[in-house]
Amino acid sequence: MRLAQVVPLTPVEGPFTYRVPPELDAEVVPGARVLVPFGRRQLTGVVVRTGDGEAPKAKPVLDVLDDRPALTVELLGLTKWVAEYYLCTWGEAIKAALPSGTEVETRRVVHALAETWPEADGQAVLGALAAAGGGLKVPALAEALGRKTAPQSLLRRMEAAGAVRIEQELQEARAKPKIKKHLTLAVTLGEASSLRGAKQLALAAVLAAADEPVRQSEALRESGASSGTVKSLVE
């Protein structure tokens, strides 16, 4: 059985052992960010070791979040040293080494299944959900009830009684890949000479002089053209 040692990006001691599904075997390598089950949630973690072994109760890695490892083996070693030196968890040290907002995890969402509850606190929960017109994430429910934290024990009892349904909703990473546009001349410079307008000709000349795609922002700066010029040339 292929196993992975994963450190969740949370202040808990790790690593934890997970089973690697065959279809993810090539991607689950040290330094890779993965999505793993953790209690009733799903969290982002980083693989720190892999190997073969036996762990019948190990839960599976759910997904690999990047097409290549987010951290090198050397950086993993450095974060381990940072955790030991500064007395923090390895997950906290790894999280500090990654770009902010890249973690993925689940949030609990509460849905009402009943209209009444015998206790006032439970009725307030149902009232807040009815006022929202649908499910509420647990932090939002606590805010609607005027509390700092949601009544967890009450929610468990209400869920067991069938008065509410609590689902796990995947919270995507806040940081997204940044896209940069590049331009390539699709005709020869001779064919481009028939274009009208000095800015169109200047932009075509900049692209013709390059032997590779040119970042749009750089091409516009060099030619004095605008994004409208690019749109006209594309059309």
Protein backbone atom coordinates (compact mmCIF):
# COMPACT_ATOMS: atom_id res chain seq x y z
CA MET A 1 0.00 0.00 0.00
CA ARG A 2 1.32 3.42 -0.94
CA LEU A 3 1.23 5.83 2.01
CA ALA A 4 1.89 9.54 2.42
CA GLN A 5 2.84 11.49 5.51
CA VAL A 6 0.91 14.76 5.33
CA VAL A 7 1.21 17.88 7.49
CA PRO A 8 -2.08 19.86 7.58
CA LEU A 9 -1.69 23.64 7.40
CA THR A 10 -3.20 24.04 10.86
CA PRO A 11 -1.73 24.41 14.37
CA VAL A 12 -1.83 20.67 15.14
CA GLU A 13 1.05 18.29 15.59
CA GLY A 14 1.69 16.11 12.56
CA PRO A 15 2.37 14.51 10.20
CA PHE A 16 -0.59 12.19 9.66
CA THR A 17 -0.69 9.06 7.53
CA TYR A 18 -2.94 8.87 4.46
CA ARG A 19 -3.45 6.24 1.79
CA VAL A 20 -2.49 7.22 -1.76
CA PRO A 21 -5.05 6.16 -4.41
CA PRO A 22 -3.40 4.55 -7.46
CA GLU A 23 -4.58 7.33 -9.79
CA LEU A 24 -2.76 9.94 -7.68
CA ASP A 25 0.41 7.97 -7.06
CA ALA A 26 2.57 9.91 -9.56
CA GLU A 27 1.46 13.29 -8.19
CA VAL A 28 1.63 12.62 -4.43
CA VAL A 29 5.27 13.43 -3.82
CA PRO A 30 7.10 15.34 -1.06
CA GLY A 31 6.29 19.05 -1.26
CA ALA A 32 2.95 18.59 -3.04
CA ARG A 33 -0.14 20.32 -1.67
CA VAL A 34 -3.00 17.86 -1.21
CA LEU A 35 -6.59 17.91 -0.01
CA VAL A 36 -7.14 15.42 2.82
CA PRO A 37 -9.97 14.51 5.21
CA PHE A 38 -9.31 15.75 8.72
CA GLY A 39 -12.00 14.87 11.24
CA ARG A 40 -15.27 16.09 9.74
CA ARG A 41 -13.51 18.58 7.48
CA GLN A 42 -11.29 18.58 4.45
CA LEU A 43 -8.05 20.56 4.71
CA THR A 44 -5.02 21.49 2.68
CA GLY A 45 -1.86 19.68 3.69
CA VAL A 46 1.64 19.21 2.34
CA VAL A 47 3.19 15.81 1.70
CA VAL A 48 6.46 15.47 3.62
CA ARG A 49 7.22 11.76 3.02
CA THR A 50 5.93 8.86 0.95
CA GLY A 51 6.54 5.15 1.11
CA ASP A 52 5.03 1.70 1.14
CA GLY A 53 3.49 0.19 4.24
CA GLU A 54 0.35 -1.08 5.90
CA ALA A 55 -2.26 1.24 7.42
CA PRO A 56 -5.70 -0.35 6.96
CA LYS A 57 -7.51 2.52 8.70
CA ALA A 58 -5.72 5.30 6.81
CA LYS A 59 -8.03 7.64 4.93
CA PRO A 60 -7.28 8.40 1.28
CA VAL A 61 -5.74 11.55 -0.15
CA LEU A 62 -8.65 13.26 -1.92
CA ASP A 63 -6.88 15.42 -4.46
CA VAL A 64 -3.56 16.98 -5.48
CA LEU A 65 -3.89 20.76 -5.74
CA ASP A 66 -0.92 21.65 -7.96
CA ASP A 67 0.61 20.27 -11.13
CA ARG A 68 4.04 20.36 -9.47
CA PRO A 69 5.20 20.40 -5.82
CA ALA A 70 4.71 23.71 -4.01
CA LEU A 71 7.82 23.19 -1.84
CA THR A 72 11.18 21.61 -2.52
CA VAL A 73 12.63 18.92 -0.26
CA GLU A 74 15.13 21.52 0.97
CA LEU A 75 12.34 23.92 1.96
CA LEU A 76 10.56 21.13 3.78
CA GLY A 77 13.70 20.56 5.80
CA LEU A 78 13.99 24.28 6.51
CA THR A 79 10.38 24.53 7.69
CA LYS A 80 10.94 21.53 9.97
CA TRP A 81 13.92 23.32 11.52
CA VAL A 82 11.89 26.56 11.87
CA ALA A 83 9.12 24.65 13.67
CA GLU A 84 11.57 23.11 16.13
CA TYR A 85 13.54 26.33 16.70
CA TYR A 86 10.53 28.62 17.17
CA LEU A 87 8.38 26.04 18.98
CA CYS A 88 5.50 26.09 16.52
CA THR A 89 3.88 23.25 14.62
CA TRP A 90 5.33 22.06 11.34
CA GLY A 91 2.06 22.96 9.61
CA GLU A 92 2.32 26.58 10.78
CA ALA A 93 5.89 26.82 9.50
CA ILE A 94 4.94 25.32 6.13
CA LYS A 95 1.94 27.64 5.83
CA ALA A 96 4.23 30.64 6.41
CA ALA A 97 6.43 29.45 3.52
CA LEU A 98 3.50 29.26 1.08
CA PRO A 99 1.76 32.20 -0.66
CA SER A 100 -1.07 33.57 1.46
CA GLY A 101 -4.58 32.45 0.53
CA THR A 102 -3.64 29.22 -1.23
CA GLU A 103 -5.13 26.81 1.29
CA VAL A 104 -8.31 24.89 0.50
CA GLU A 105 -10.63 23.52 3.15
CA THR A 106 -14.28 22.84 3.90
CA ARG A 107 -16.73 24.88 5.93
CA ARG A 108 -19.79 23.48 7.68
CA VAL A 109 -23.11 24.77 6.35
CA VAL A 110 -26.30 24.36 8.42
CA HIS A 111 -29.69 23.82 6.72
CA ALA A 112 -33.05 23.79 8.49
CA LEU A 113 -35.19 20.64 8.15
CA ALA A 114 -37.81 21.53 10.78
CA GLU A 115 -39.84 24.61 11.70
CA THR A 116 -39.90 24.24 15.47
CA TRP A 117 -37.66 23.13 18.32
CA PRO A 118 -38.69 22.76 21.99
CA GLU A 119 -35.83 24.89 23.34
CA ALA A 120 -35.51 28.64 22.82
CA ASP A 121 -31.90 28.43 21.61
CA GLY A 122 -32.81 25.83 19.01
CA GLN A 123 -35.81 27.85 17.87
CA ALA A 124 -33.48 30.84 17.46
CA VAL A 125 -31.26 28.70 15.21
CA LEU A 126 -34.23 27.73 13.04
CA GLY A 127 -35.37 31.34 12.95
CA ALA A 128 -31.95 32.54 11.78
CA LEU A 129 -31.88 29.91 9.04
CA ALA A 130 -35.42 30.83 7.94
CA ALA A 131 -34.49 34.52 7.82
CA ALA A 132 -31.46 33.70 5.67
CA GLY A 133 -33.66 31.83 3.21
CA GLY A 134 -31.27 28.89 3.06
CA GLY A 135 -28.17 27.39 4.59
CA LEU A 136 -25.71 29.37 6.68
CA LYS A 137 -22.05 28.68 7.30
CA VAL A 138 -21.43 28.06 10.99
CA PRO A 139 -19.59 31.39 11.57
CA ALA A 140 -22.42 33.28 9.82
CA LEU A 141 -24.99 31.44 11.93
CA ALA A 142 -23.14 32.44 15.11
CA GLU A 143 -23.17 36.07 13.94
CA ALA A 144 -26.90 35.89 13.19
CA LEU A 145 -27.49 34.59 16.72
CA GLY A 146 -25.39 37.40 18.21
CA ARG A 147 -22.76 34.97 19.48
CA LYS A 148 -19.01 34.74 19.05
CA THR A 149 -19.24 31.00 18.42
CA ALA A 150 -22.05 28.74 17.28
CA PRO A 151 -23.74 26.42 19.84
CA GLN A 152 -21.95 23.25 18.72
CA SER A 153 -23.59 20.87 21.21
CA LEU A 154 -27.03 22.17 20.30
CA LEU A 155 -26.33 21.80 16.59
CA ARG A 156 -25.23 18.19 17.11
CA ARG A 157 -28.42 17.40 19.00
CA MET A 158 -30.56 19.12 16.38
CA GLU A 159 -28.77 17.22 13.61
CA ALA A 160 -29.26 13.90 15.43
CA ALA A 161 -32.97 14.69 15.81
CA GLY A 162 -33.33 15.55 12.12
CA ALA A 163 -34.10 19.23 12.74
CA VAL A 164 -31.08 20.47 10.78
CA ARG A 165 -28.69 19.10 8.18
CA ILE A 166 -25.00 20.03 8.37
CA GLU A 167 -23.05 19.73 5.13
CA GLN A 168 -19.40 20.19 4.27
CA GLU A 169 -18.91 22.87 1.62
CA LEU A 170 -15.55 23.16 -0.10
CA GLN A 171 -14.00 26.59 0.35
CA GLU A 172 -11.75 27.31 -2.63
CA ALA A 173 -8.40 29.00 -2.30
CA ARG A 174 -8.62 32.78 -2.05
CA ALA A 175 -5.57 33.27 -4.25
CA LYS A 176 -5.98 32.53 -7.92
CA PRO A 177 -3.41 32.10 -10.70
CA LYS A 178 -2.53 35.39 -12.37
CA ILE A 179 -2.97 35.41 -16.13
CA LYS A 180 -0.75 37.57 -18.36
CA LYS A 181 -1.58 38.09 -22.04
CA HIS A 182 1.11 37.61 -24.69
CA LEU A 183 0.93 38.70 -28.32
CA THR A 184 2.31 37.12 -31.50
CA LEU A 185 2.15 38.57 -35.02
CA ALA A 186 -0.02 36.22 -37.10
CA VAL A 187 1.08 37.62 -40.48
CA THR A 188 4.35 38.82 -41.99
CA LEU A 189 5.45 42.39 -41.45
CA GLY A 190 4.92 42.98 -45.19
CA GLU A 191 1.30 41.89 -44.89
CA ALA A 192 0.93 44.00 -41.77
CA SER A 193 2.14 47.12 -43.65
CA SER A 194 -1.31 47.37 -45.23
CA LEU A 195 -2.80 48.14 -41.84
CA ARG A 196 -4.14 51.58 -41.20
CA GLY A 197 -3.07 53.70 -38.29
CA ALA A 198 0.33 54.52 -36.88
CA LYS A 199 -0.30 52.66 -33.61
CA GLN A 200 -1.33 49.46 -35.39
CA LEU A 201 1.83 49.60 -37.52
CA ALA A 202 4.01 50.37 -34.50
CA LEU A 203 2.59 47.43 -32.55
CA ALA A 204 3.03 45.11 -35.56
CA ALA A 205 6.67 46.24 -35.87
CA VAL A 206 7.35 45.48 -32.19
CA LEU A 207 5.88 41.99 -32.55
CA ALA A 208 7.69 41.33 -35.83
CA ALA A 209 11.03 42.24 -34.23
CA ALA A 210 10.54 39.67 -31.47
CA ASP A 211 11.33 36.00 -32.04
CA GLU A 212 8.89 34.89 -29.34
CA PRO A 213 5.52 35.96 -27.89
CA VAL A 214 5.67 39.39 -26.23
CA ARG A 215 3.83 40.23 -23.01
CA GLN A 216 0.98 42.55 -23.99
CA SER A 217 1.85 45.19 -21.39
CA GLU A 218 5.44 45.40 -22.71
CA ALA A 219 4.34 45.51 -26.36
CA LEU A 220 1.91 48.34 -25.63
CA ARG A 221 4.55 50.29 -23.72
CA GLU A 222 7.11 49.98 -26.51
CA SER A 223 4.69 50.80 -29.32
CA GLY A 224 2.55 53.41 -27.61
CA ALA A 225 -0.54 51.45 -28.63
CA SER A 226 -3.55 50.63 -26.47
CA SER A 227 -5.64 47.57 -25.66
CA GLY A 228 -8.13 48.88 -28.25
CA THR A 229 -5.39 48.59 -30.86
CA VAL A 230 -4.84 44.94 -29.85
CA LYS A 231 -8.57 44.25 -30.14
CA SER A 232 -8.66 45.75 -33.63
CA LEU A 233 -5.69 43.69 -34.78
CA VAL A 234 -7.16 40.48 -33.34
CA GLU A 235 -10.43 41.15 -35.17
